[in-house]
Structures are given as structure tokens and as C-alpha cells.
């Protein structure tokens, strides 16, 4: 039962992270000149529009059941008309990376608040664990998106700097996704993330 409860907390953390990440990305796109996310219903903190059944629920649940130390997944893609951004796609992609670390910071602030409030243990323990998961998982996704492999954000930034447009970049993303899965399953991402993970754990 404990493993099931912990798994549900991890999935809850993931939904929270992806919802806020998509909201920040959609809001940034609107501010930069494209209202497609708003018209498509993505400019909301309601998690339902942001959930990809396989990427947000099924695949992460498989990793959780296998007791993987890290979780791989993705939200629904925020619909953006890059043609309306007037060469501001680079700014949007950079904000997308930063948003994960921002969410991790918010998770840590809430963790510290919960653990310093006079709450009953039955309330404090699950909330503290949830915010701990938010901090660690969101930090991992921020770290992951620093790798220059499309469709990861840094991969998109690299190709944009090389003069590729967003429609050309999408053609590279399928092969990049295979590379990401191989690097994840092989444990390479976990090995590289481990020093950062140890630092995060030392904060709790």
C-alpha cells in the first residue's frame, strides 16, 4: 500500500509540473505574439488539457512500477504557431527550460513551508513528500532539457542557432526521441544527474 501511495504522489507531482510548465510556455507564447495556446484552451491551470494519456500517465506509471529511480514522460504539446512569433522562438524555448527550475524552486519553498508549520503528521508527511517529488522531478526535467538533442529544449535552441526553422526541427525530433529513450534506459542520464540529485537531497 505504501508503494502505491508513493507512486500516486509521484504521478501527482508529474501532473503538477507539466501543468505549470505548459501554462508558463503558453503564457510566454501569448506574450510574444501568438494567442494559439489561449484559443486552444492551454492557458489554464486545469491539468486535464495538459495530460497526455501515455506520456503523462501510462509511461511514468510503468517506470514507477519498475521502481526506476527516475521517471520519463511528457505533457500534451502546447499548440504554438511559430510563424507568428517573429523570430522569438529562441526566447520561448529558453523560458521553457527555465520554467522547470522555477517549478522546482516553488516546490522547495512549499516543502519548507509545510515542514515548518504546526501540521499533524498525517497531513505534513504526504504534503512534504509531494513537494519533495516536485522539486526533484522538475529539476531532473530541467536538467534533461539542457541536453542538445531535439525535441529537448536545448536541442531546439541549437538547431535554431544553426538557422533551422521550427518546422525543420520537428523532422529531427523522432530520431532524437529514440536517442533520449536509449540514453535514459541505459542509465546514462541517471549517472550524469546523480551529483545534482545528491545536492538536492542534501537540501531536505
Protein backbone atom coordinates (compact mmCIF):
# COMPACT_ATOMS: atom_id res chain seq x y z
CA UNK A 1 0.00 0.00 0.00
CA UNK A 2 2.86 2.35 0.82
CA UNK A 3 4.42 1.79 -2.62
CA UNK A 4 1.07 2.52 -4.27
CA UNK A 5 0.66 5.73 -2.25
CA UNK A 6 4.21 6.87 -3.09
CA UNK A 7 3.57 6.10 -6.77
CA UNK A 8 0.38 8.18 -6.72
CA UNK A 9 2.31 11.07 -5.15
CA UNK A 10 4.92 10.84 -7.91
CA UNK A 11 2.24 10.90 -10.61
CA UNK A 12 0.54 13.83 -8.87
CA UNK A 13 3.85 15.68 -8.80
CA UNK A 14 4.36 14.98 -12.51
CA UNK A 15 0.89 16.28 -13.43
CA UNK A 16 1.54 19.41 -11.32
CA UNK A 17 4.90 20.00 -13.03
CA UNK A 18 3.61 19.51 -16.57
CA UNK A 19 0.53 21.66 -15.94
CA UNK A 20 2.58 24.62 -14.71
CA UNK A 21 5.26 24.09 -17.36
CA UNK A 22 2.70 24.14 -20.17
CA UNK A 23 0.94 27.13 -18.63
CA UNK A 24 4.20 29.12 -18.45
CA UNK A 25 5.13 28.13 -22.01
CA UNK A 26 1.66 29.02 -23.32
CA UNK A 27 1.62 32.34 -21.47
CA UNK A 28 5.07 33.19 -22.85
CA UNK A 29 3.92 32.41 -26.39
CA UNK A 30 0.92 34.70 -25.93
CA UNK A 31 3.12 37.50 -24.61
CA UNK A 32 5.45 37.04 -27.60
CA UNK A 33 2.61 37.43 -30.09
CA UNK A 34 0.87 34.08 -30.63
CA UNK A 35 -2.51 33.56 -28.98
CA UNK A 36 -2.87 29.96 -30.24
CA UNK A 37 -2.33 28.43 -26.75
CA UNK A 38 -5.10 30.63 -25.35
CA UNK A 39 -7.52 29.87 -28.18
CA UNK A 40 -6.73 26.14 -27.83
CA UNK A 41 -7.52 26.08 -24.11
CA UNK A 42 -3.96 25.57 -22.88
CA UNK A 43 -3.73 28.84 -20.95
CA UNK A 44 -5.19 27.25 -17.83
CA UNK A 45 -4.01 25.63 -14.60
CA UNK A 46 -6.65 22.94 -15.01
CA UNK A 47 -4.44 19.85 -15.50
CA UNK A 48 -6.82 17.98 -17.85
CA UNK A 49 -5.85 19.80 -21.11
CA UNK A 50 -2.17 19.24 -20.34
CA UNK A 51 -2.33 15.48 -19.70
CA UNK A 52 -1.08 13.15 -22.41
CA UNK A 53 -2.56 9.74 -21.53
CA UNK A 54 0.56 7.82 -22.50
CA UNK A 55 3.29 10.38 -21.77
CA UNK A 56 1.89 11.76 -18.50
CA UNK A 57 0.21 8.70 -17.02
CA UNK A 58 0.95 5.31 -18.58
CA UNK A 59 4.71 5.56 -19.28
CA UNK A 60 5.56 7.23 -15.92
CA UNK A 61 3.41 4.61 -14.15
CA UNK A 62 5.46 1.86 -15.82
CA UNK A 63 8.71 3.43 -14.59
CA UNK A 64 7.20 3.79 -11.10
CA UNK A 65 6.06 0.13 -11.04
CA UNK A 66 9.55 -0.92 -12.13
CA UNK A 67 10.92 1.18 -9.23
CA UNK A 68 13.02 3.27 -11.59
CA UNK A 69 14.94 5.99 -9.70
CA UNK A 70 13.97 8.45 -12.47
CA UNK A 71 10.76 9.00 -14.43
CA UNK A 72 10.48 9.78 -18.12
CA UNK A 73 7.35 11.37 -19.57
CA UNK A 74 5.84 14.36 -21.31
CA UNK A 75 2.71 16.54 -21.32
CA UNK A 76 0.47 17.29 -24.27
CA UNK A 77 2.29 19.58 -26.67
CA UNK A 78 1.26 23.22 -26.36
CA UNK A 79 -0.08 24.27 -29.79
CA UNK A 80 2.03 27.20 -30.99
CA UNK A 81 2.08 28.91 -34.38
CA UNK A 82 5.79 29.67 -34.60
CA UNK A 83 5.21 31.70 -37.73
CA UNK A 84 3.53 34.34 -35.56
CA UNK A 85 6.42 34.65 -33.10
CA UNK A 86 8.55 36.73 -35.48
CA UNK A 87 11.88 35.01 -34.70
CA UNK A 88 11.16 34.82 -30.95
CA UNK A 89 11.12 31.01 -30.82
CA UNK A 90 14.56 31.08 -29.18
CA UNK A 91 13.21 33.15 -26.28
CA UNK A 92 10.22 30.83 -25.88
CA UNK A 93 12.42 27.73 -25.78
CA UNK A 94 14.79 29.27 -23.23
CA UNK A 95 11.82 30.13 -20.98
CA UNK A 96 10.64 26.53 -21.37
CA UNK A 97 13.90 25.28 -19.82
CA UNK A 98 13.92 27.86 -17.03
CA UNK A 99 10.32 27.03 -16.12
CA UNK A 100 11.30 23.58 -14.88
CA UNK A 101 13.85 25.02 -12.47
CA UNK A 102 11.35 27.69 -11.41
CA UNK A 103 8.78 24.99 -10.60
CA UNK A 104 11.45 23.08 -8.67
CA UNK A 105 12.17 26.21 -6.64
CA UNK A 106 8.47 26.71 -5.91
CA UNK A 107 8.21 23.08 -4.84
CA UNK A 108 11.11 23.54 -2.43
CA UNK A 109 9.58 26.71 -0.94
CA UNK A 110 6.32 24.85 -0.32
CA UNK A 111 8.28 21.93 1.19
CA UNK A 112 9.99 24.25 3.66
CA UNK A 113 6.68 25.96 4.48
CA UNK A 114 4.90 22.66 5.15
CA UNK A 115 7.69 21.26 7.32
CA UNK A 116 7.82 24.45 9.39
CA UNK A 117 4.09 24.70 10.04
CA UNK A 118 2.46 23.05 13.07
CA UNK A 119 0.58 20.49 10.98
CA UNK A 120 -0.48 16.99 12.04
CA UNK A 121 1.96 14.34 10.84
CA UNK A 122 -0.74 12.71 8.69
CA UNK A 123 -1.02 16.00 6.78
CA UNK A 124 2.61 17.09 6.84
CA UNK A 125 4.17 13.80 5.69
CA UNK A 126 2.28 13.38 2.38
CA UNK A 127 2.46 17.09 1.54
CA UNK A 128 6.18 17.26 2.30
CA UNK A 129 6.78 14.14 0.20
CA UNK A 130 4.73 15.58 -2.68
CA UNK A 131 6.68 18.84 -2.70
CA UNK A 132 9.94 16.94 -2.42
CA UNK A 133 8.99 14.94 -5.51
CA UNK A 134 8.03 18.15 -7.34
CA UNK A 135 11.43 19.66 -6.54
CA UNK A 136 13.46 16.63 -7.60
CA UNK A 137 11.43 15.57 -10.66
CA UNK A 138 11.15 19.11 -12.05
CA UNK A 139 14.88 19.62 -11.52
CA UNK A 140 15.51 16.42 -13.49
CA UNK A 141 13.36 17.61 -16.40
CA UNK A 142 15.17 20.96 -16.36
CA UNK A 143 18.49 19.09 -16.35
CA UNK A 144 17.28 16.75 -19.11
CA UNK A 145 16.29 19.65 -21.36
CA UNK A 146 19.84 21.03 -21.19
CA UNK A 147 20.98 18.22 -23.49
CA UNK A 148 21.29 19.37 -27.13
CA UNK A 149 19.02 16.67 -28.55
CA UNK A 150 15.74 17.64 -30.21
CA UNK A 151 12.91 17.54 -29.14
CA UNK A 152 14.59 18.57 -25.86
CA UNK A 153 14.64 22.35 -25.49
CA UNK A 154 18.41 22.77 -25.76
CA UNK A 155 18.37 20.69 -28.93
CA UNK A 156 15.77 23.05 -30.36
CA UNK A 157 17.85 26.07 -29.33
CA UNK A 158 20.95 24.60 -31.01
CA UNK A 159 19.10 24.00 -34.28
CA UNK A 160 17.55 27.46 -34.16
CA UNK A 161 21.02 28.95 -33.77
CA UNK A 162 22.10 26.88 -36.80
CA UNK A 163 19.40 28.58 -38.84
CA UNK A 164 16.78 25.82 -38.85
CA UNK A 165 13.12 26.78 -38.53
CA UNK A 166 10.69 25.05 -36.16
CA UNK A 167 9.11 23.01 -38.93
CA UNK A 168 12.50 21.62 -39.98
CA UNK A 169 13.35 20.92 -36.34
CA UNK A 170 10.24 18.76 -35.94
CA UNK A 171 11.62 16.39 -38.58
CA UNK A 172 14.65 15.74 -36.35
CA UNK A 173 12.56 15.11 -33.24
CA UNK A 174 11.56 11.48 -33.91
CA UNK A 175 15.18 10.34 -34.15
CA UNK A 176 16.05 12.47 -31.17
CA UNK A 177 13.29 10.85 -29.14
CA UNK A 178 14.79 7.40 -29.83
CA UNK A 179 18.20 8.65 -28.69
CA UNK A 180 16.68 10.08 -25.50
CA UNK A 181 14.98 6.77 -24.64
CA UNK A 182 18.22 4.85 -25.22
CA UNK A 183 20.22 7.25 -23.04
CA UNK A 184 17.56 7.07 -20.32
CA UNK A 185 17.16 3.27 -20.29
CA UNK A 186 20.93 2.76 -20.43
CA UNK A 187 21.28 4.77 -17.22
CA UNK A 188 23.50 7.46 -18.75
CA UNK A 189 21.10 10.27 -17.86
CA UNK A 190 20.81 8.89 -14.32
CA UNK A 191 24.59 8.71 -13.98
CA UNK A 192 25.02 12.31 -15.13
CA UNK A 193 22.16 13.56 -12.96
CA UNK A 194 23.39 11.76 -9.81
CA UNK A 195 25.70 14.56 -8.50
CA UNK A 196 22.87 17.10 -8.87
CA UNK A 197 20.49 14.62 -7.22
CA UNK A 198 22.82 14.27 -4.23
CA UNK A 199 22.90 18.07 -3.90
CA UNK A 200 19.08 18.24 -3.98
CA UNK A 201 18.73 15.52 -1.36
CA UNK A 202 21.12 17.42 0.91
CA UNK A 203 18.62 20.32 0.94
CA UNK A 204 15.88 18.28 2.59
